[in-house]
Protein backbone atom coordinates (compact mmCIF):
# COMPACT_ATOMS: atom_id res chain seq x y z
CA MET A 1 0.00 0.00 0.00
CA LEU A 2 2.75 2.44 0.95
CA GLN A 3 4.69 1.57 -2.18
CA GLN A 4 1.63 2.21 -4.37
CA ILE A 5 1.14 5.63 -2.77
CA ASP A 6 4.83 6.37 -3.34
CA ASP A 7 4.51 5.38 -7.01
CA VAL A 8 1.64 7.80 -7.53
CA ILE A 9 3.55 10.61 -5.81
CA ALA A 10 6.62 9.87 -7.94
CA ARG A 11 4.61 10.24 -11.16
CA PHE A 12 3.47 13.72 -10.14
CA GLU A 13 6.99 14.61 -9.03
CA ARG A 14 8.49 13.62 -12.39
CA LEU A 15 5.86 15.68 -14.19
CA LEU A 16 6.51 18.73 -11.99
CA LEU A 17 10.26 18.26 -12.38
CA LEU A 18 9.90 18.18 -16.16
CA VAL A 19 7.81 21.36 -16.10
CA ALA A 20 10.25 23.14 -13.75
CA LEU A 21 13.32 22.24 -15.82
CA GLY A 22 11.56 23.12 -19.07
CA MET A 23 10.34 26.50 -17.85
CA MET A 24 13.70 27.33 -16.27
CA THR A 25 15.53 26.49 -19.50
CA LEU A 26 13.03 28.40 -21.62
CA LEU A 27 13.10 31.54 -19.47
CA VAL A 28 16.88 31.66 -19.22
CA GLY A 29 17.26 30.90 -22.94
CA ILE A 30 14.84 33.64 -23.97
CA ASP A 31 16.40 36.15 -21.61
CA VAL A 32 19.97 35.43 -22.75
CA THR A 33 18.93 35.43 -26.40
CA GLN A 34 17.17 38.76 -26.07
CA ARG A 35 20.05 40.37 -24.18
CA THR A 36 22.63 39.07 -26.66
CA PHE A 37 20.95 39.85 -29.97
CA SER A 38 19.20 43.10 -29.05
CA ARG A 39 22.46 45.04 -28.77
CA PRO A 40 22.86 47.74 -31.44
CA VAL A 41 26.40 46.48 -32.08
CA GLY A 42 27.27 42.90 -31.22
CA ARG A 43 30.49 41.84 -29.56
CA THR A 44 31.76 40.13 -32.70
CA GLU A 45 31.15 43.29 -34.72
CA ALA A 46 32.84 45.45 -32.08
CA LEU A 47 35.82 43.09 -31.90
CA THR A 48 36.16 43.03 -35.69
CA ALA A 49 36.01 46.81 -35.85
CA ALA A 50 38.62 47.09 -33.10
CA VAL A 51 41.01 44.72 -34.91
CA VAL A 52 40.59 46.53 -38.23
CA ASP A 53 41.03 49.86 -36.50
CA ALA A 54 44.25 48.66 -34.86
CA ILE A 55 45.64 47.34 -38.15
CA ALA A 56 44.45 49.90 -40.69
CA GLY A 57 44.48 52.96 -38.47
CA PRO A 58 41.57 55.13 -37.33
CA LEU A 59 38.36 54.28 -39.18
CA ASP A 60 35.83 56.78 -40.39
CA ASP A 61 32.09 56.13 -40.16
CA ALA A 62 31.96 54.29 -43.49
CA GLY A 63 34.93 52.11 -42.58
CA ARG A 64 33.52 51.28 -39.16
CA SER A 65 30.18 50.37 -40.75
CA ALA A 66 31.95 48.07 -43.21
CA ALA A 67 33.93 46.48 -40.36
CA ASN A 68 30.71 45.90 -38.42
CA ASN A 69 29.13 44.25 -41.46
CA ALA A 70 32.19 42.05 -41.83
CA GLY A 71 31.83 41.08 -38.17
CA THR A 72 28.21 40.11 -38.78
CA VAL A 73 29.22 37.88 -41.68
CA LEU A 74 32.02 36.36 -39.59
CA PHE A 75 29.59 35.61 -36.77
CA ALA A 76 27.18 33.91 -39.20
CA VAL A 77 29.92 31.82 -40.80
CA VAL A 78 31.34 30.68 -37.46
CA GLY A 79 27.87 29.90 -36.15
CA LEU A 80 27.00 27.88 -39.27
CA CYS A 81 30.24 25.92 -38.97
CA LEU A 82 29.54 25.11 -35.33
CA PHE A 83 26.05 23.87 -36.18
CA VAL A 84 27.44 21.72 -39.01
CA PHE A 85 30.12 20.23 -36.74
CA ALA A 86 27.52 19.52 -34.05
CA ALA A 87 25.19 17.85 -36.56
CA HIS A 88 28.03 15.72 -37.94
CA THR A 89 29.06 14.66 -34.43
CA ALA A 90 25.49 13.72 -33.52
CA ARG A 91 25.05 11.72 -36.73
CA THR A 92 28.38 9.98 -36.15
CA VAL A 93 27.31 8.91 -32.67
CA VAL A 94 24.04 7.53 -34.04
CA THR A 95 25.72 5.60 -36.85
CA ASP A 96 28.34 4.15 -34.48
CA ARG A 97 25.59 3.04 -32.13
CA ASN A 98 23.73 1.35 -34.98
CA GLY A 99 26.89 -0.22 -36.37
CA ALA A 100 26.70 1.67 -39.67
CA GLY A 101 29.43 3.46 -41.56
CA PRO A 102 30.41 7.12 -41.15
CA PRO A 103 27.70 9.59 -42.17
CA ALA A 104 27.92 11.61 -45.36
CA VAL A 105 29.31 15.10 -44.93
CA ALA A 106 26.65 16.54 -47.25
CA GLY A 107 23.90 15.30 -44.94
CA SER A 108 25.62 16.88 -41.94
CA VAL A 109 25.94 20.19 -43.81
CA GLY A 110 22.24 20.12 -44.67
CA SER A 111 21.18 19.20 -41.13
CA GLY A 112 23.48 21.81 -39.59
CA ALA A 113 22.28 24.53 -41.98
CA LEU A 114 18.65 23.67 -41.25
CA ALA A 115 19.29 23.85 -37.50
CA PHE A 116 21.18 27.13 -37.94
CA PHE A 117 18.32 28.80 -39.82
CA ALA A 118 15.81 27.42 -37.31
CA ALA A 119 17.86 28.97 -34.50
CA GLY A 120 17.93 32.27 -36.42
CA ALA A 121 14.13 32.15 -36.79
CA PHE A 122 13.84 31.47 -33.05
CA VAL A 123 16.00 34.51 -32.32
CA GLN A 124 13.79 36.70 -34.51
CA VAL A 125 10.64 35.44 -32.79
CA VAL A 126 12.17 36.11 -29.37
CA LEU A 127 13.13 39.66 -30.35
CA LEU A 128 9.64 40.34 -31.71
CA VAL A 129 7.65 38.81 -28.86
CA PHE A 130 9.98 39.94 -26.05
CA PRO A 131 11.54 43.24 -27.21
CA SER A 132 12.45 44.12 -23.63
CA SER A 133 13.28 40.60 -22.45
CA VAL A 134 10.98 38.51 -20.22
CA PRO A 135 9.93 40.59 -17.22
CA GLY A 136 11.32 38.97 -14.08
CA ALA A 137 12.84 36.05 -16.02
CA GLN A 138 15.75 35.58 -13.63
CA LYS A 139 13.58 35.52 -10.50
CA PHE A 140 11.10 33.14 -12.13
CA ALA A 141 13.98 30.89 -13.19
CA LEU A 142 15.32 30.86 -9.63
CA GLY A 143 11.89 29.79 -8.38
CA PHE A 144 11.74 26.95 -10.88
CA MET A 145 15.31 25.98 -9.97
CA LEU A 146 14.29 25.69 -6.32
CA TRP A 147 11.40 23.42 -7.31
CA ALA A 148 13.69 21.33 -9.53
CA GLY A 149 16.28 20.93 -6.78
CA MET A 150 13.74 19.95 -4.15
CA LEU A 151 11.96 17.49 -6.46
CA GLY A 152 15.30 15.97 -7.45
CA ALA A 153 16.20 15.47 -3.78
CA SER A 154 12.85 13.84 -3.13
CA LEU A 155 13.23 11.44 -6.07
CA ALA A 156 16.76 10.63 -4.92
CA THR A 157 15.33 9.65 -1.54
CA ARG A 158 12.86 7.36 -3.28
CA GLN A 159 15.73 5.53 -5.03
CA ARG A 160 17.96 5.63 -1.92
CA ARG A 161 20.51 7.72 -3.79
CA HIS A 162 20.87 10.23 -0.97
CA ILE A 163 24.12 10.53 0.99
CA MET A 164 24.41 7.78 3.59
CA LEU A 165 26.90 7.13 6.38
CA ASP A 166 26.72 3.39 7.03
CA PRO A 167 29.87 2.34 8.96
CA VAL A 168 27.73 0.94 11.79
CA ILE A 169 25.04 -0.90 9.86
CA LYS A 170 27.67 -2.67 7.76
CA LYS A 171 29.02 -4.29 10.94
CA LEU A 172 25.61 -5.57 12.03
CA GLU A 173 23.77 -8.68 10.94
CA GLY A 174 20.33 -10.21 11.28
CA ALA A 175 17.76 -8.60 13.54
CA ASP A 176 20.21 -5.99 14.84
CA ARG A 177 20.81 -4.81 11.27
CA ARG A 178 17.09 -4.51 10.58
CA ARG A 179 16.37 -2.65 13.82
CA PHE A 180 19.24 -0.22 13.30
CA ALA A 181 18.11 0.49 9.74
CA CYS A 182 14.59 1.13 11.01
CA VAL A 183 15.79 3.56 13.68
CA SER A 184 18.00 5.30 11.12
CA GLY A 185 15.09 5.73 8.72
CA LEU A 186 12.80 7.04 11.45
CA ALA A 187 15.47 9.50 12.61
CA SER A 188 15.88 10.78 9.05
CA GLY A 189 12.10 11.07 8.73
CA LEU A 190 11.96 13.00 11.99
CA PHE A 191 14.64 15.41 10.76
CA CYS A 192 12.70 15.99 7.53
CA THR A 193 9.57 16.58 9.59
CA GLY A 194 11.41 19.30 11.50
CA VAL A 195 12.35 20.95 8.20
CA VAL A 196 8.69 20.70 7.18
CA VAL A 197 7.66 22.59 10.32
CA LEU A 198 10.23 25.32 9.63
CA GLY A 199 9.13 25.49 6.01
CA VAL A 200 5.48 25.82 7.00
CA LEU A 201 6.35 28.67 9.36
CA GLN A 202 8.22 30.45 6.57
CA LEU A 203 5.40 29.74 4.13
CA SER A 204 2.70 31.02 6.49
CA GLY A 205 4.64 34.24 7.02
CA GLU A 206 4.93 34.83 3.29
CA ILE A 207 1.24 34.07 2.76
CA GLN A 208 0.28 36.55 5.48
CA GLU A 209 2.51 39.17 3.88
CA TRP A 210 1.00 38.45 0.47
CA SER A 211 -2.57 38.70 1.77
CA ALA A 212 -1.88 41.89 3.75
CA GLY A 213 -2.11 44.21 0.75
CA GLU A 214 -2.26 44.37 -3.00
CA GLY A 215 1.09 44.06 -4.75
CA VAL A 216 2.88 42.79 -1.64
CA GLY A 217 4.80 39.53 -1.69
CA VAL A 218 4.46 39.03 -5.46
CA TYR A 219 6.92 38.91 -8.31
CA PRO A 220 7.60 42.32 -9.86
CA ALA A 221 6.52 41.31 -13.36
CA LEU A 222 3.41 39.19 -12.80
CA PRO A 223 0.95 39.01 -9.89
CA ILE A 224 2.22 35.58 -8.85
CA PRO A 225 2.83 35.20 -5.11
CA MET A 226 6.41 34.48 -4.14
CA TRP A 227 5.29 31.86 -1.63
CA VAL A 228 4.69 29.52 -4.57
CA ALA A 229 8.45 28.90 -4.69
CA THR A 230 8.68 28.47 -0.90
CA LEU A 231 5.91 25.88 -1.06
CA SER A 232 8.41 23.44 -2.57
CA ILE A 233 10.34 23.16 0.72
CA PRO A 234 7.65 21.83 3.09
CA LEU A 235 5.99 19.84 0.33
CA THR A 236 9.07 17.92 -0.81
CA PHE A 237 10.48 17.46 2.68
CA GLY A 238 7.10 16.07 3.73
CA VAL A 239 7.33 13.53 0.92
CA MET A 240 10.91 12.72 1.95
CA ALA A 241 9.78 12.18 5.54
CA PHE A 242 7.12 9.77 4.28
CA ARG A 243 9.69 7.88 2.20
CA PHE A 244 12.20 7.60 5.03
CA CYS A 245 9.49 6.19 7.30
CA LYS A 246 8.35 3.83 4.53
CA ASN A 247 11.91 2.64 4.09
CA ALA A 248 12.21 2.18 7.84
CA VAL A 249 9.16 -0.12 7.86
CA HIS A 250 10.53 -2.03 4.87
CA ASP A 251 13.98 -2.42 6.43
CA LEU A 252 12.50 -3.67 9.71
CA ARG A 253 10.50 -6.36 7.91
CA HIS A 254 12.85 -7.36 5.10
CA GLY A 255 16.19 -5.86 6.01
CA PRO A 256 18.02 -2.91 4.38
CA PRO A 257 19.31 -3.23 0.81
CA SER A 258 22.89 -4.17 0.16
CA THR A 259 25.57 -1.57 -0.47
CA ALA A 260 25.31 -2.08 -4.22
CA ASP A 261 21.53 -1.74 -4.19
CA ALA A 262 21.75 1.43 -2.10
CA HIS A 263 24.00 3.11 -4.70
CA SER A 264 26.58 3.96 -2.07
CA VAL A 265 30.36 3.68 -2.06
CA ASP A 266 31.92 0.85 -0.08
CA LEU A 267 35.07 2.46 1.31
CA GLU A 268 36.41 -0.87 2.54
CA GLU A 269 36.17 -2.37 -0.94
CA VAL A 270 37.85 0.73 -2.39
CA GLU A 271 40.68 0.35 0.13
CA LYS A 272 41.11 -3.33 -0.74
CA LEU A 273 41.15 -2.53 -4.46
CA ALA A 274 43.75 0.21 -3.91
CA ALA A 275 45.94 -2.27 -1.98
CA VAL A 276 45.69 -4.82 -4.80
CA VAL A 277 46.60 -2.23 -7.42
CA ALA A 278 49.55 -1.01 -5.32
CA ALA A 279 50.77 -4.60 -4.90
CA GLU A 280 50.54 -5.25 -8.65
CA GLN A 281 52.45 -2.06 -9.42
CA GLY A 282 55.12 -3.02 -6.87
CA ALA A 283 55.48 -6.47 -8.39
CA ALA A 284 55.73 -5.02 -11.88
CA SER A 285 58.48 -2.62 -10.86
C-alpha cells in the first residue's frame, strides 16, 4: 500500500520536475537570447572593428560600418560551422551506435544549416515577442530551480541515492541490522519533519505578507505570489519524511538493501582494491 502511494507521488513529481526544468531552460534561454541579440552592435562586430582599427588605423564612419558588417558575416559563418560540426558529431554517434558506416558530410551540412536557420528564426521570434526581455525572467527561473532541486532530492530519496553514512550498519547482521536500519530511517524522517515545520512557518509568514495588501509579496513582473516557490520546501520534505518512514518499515521487515543496491560507495572495498593495485604495481616494478 505504501509503495503504491509512493509510485503515484513519484509520477506527479516527475511531471513537476519536467515542467520546472523546461520552464527554467526556456526563461533563461529567452532572456539570454534577447540580451545578446538586441544590442545595437554585437560583440563580434565590435571586436572586428577594433582589430581593423588597430591594423588599418583610425576608421571613419563608413569604414567602421563596413567592419561591423564584416563582423556580422564572420559571426554567421562561425555559427554555421559550429552547427554543421555539431550535426556531424550527432550523426556519427548515431551511426556508431547502430553499427553503420560514417555519415555523409553533405547530410551533416544540410542538417546543420537547417538547425542554424531554425535557430535564427527562433531569435527573430524572441526579439519580436519579447523586445524588452521577459519581465522577471531571472527571478522566475530561480523559483523553478528551487522546485527542480527539491523534487530531485525527493526522487533521490525514493531511489535511496541520498548521501548515507553506514559504517555501523555494515558491521551488524540479522535482527540488529534490521532494527538499526529502522531507527536510522525514522530519525531521518523526523529530521525531515522538522524541516517541514520550519518550512510551514516560513510559508505562512509569506502568505500573510501576500494577503496583507495588493502588490505585496508578489513577483515584480506578474501578480504571482512568491510563496509559490517556498511551497516546494515543506511539500518535498514532507514527501521525503514519508519515504524515510516507509523505508524504515521495509527495512525492519525485510532488512536494508545491500551496499550495491543502495547506490553507495563501499570504502572498505575501495581500500582493498587500492591495496591490490599497489601490490601489482610493486610487483611489476
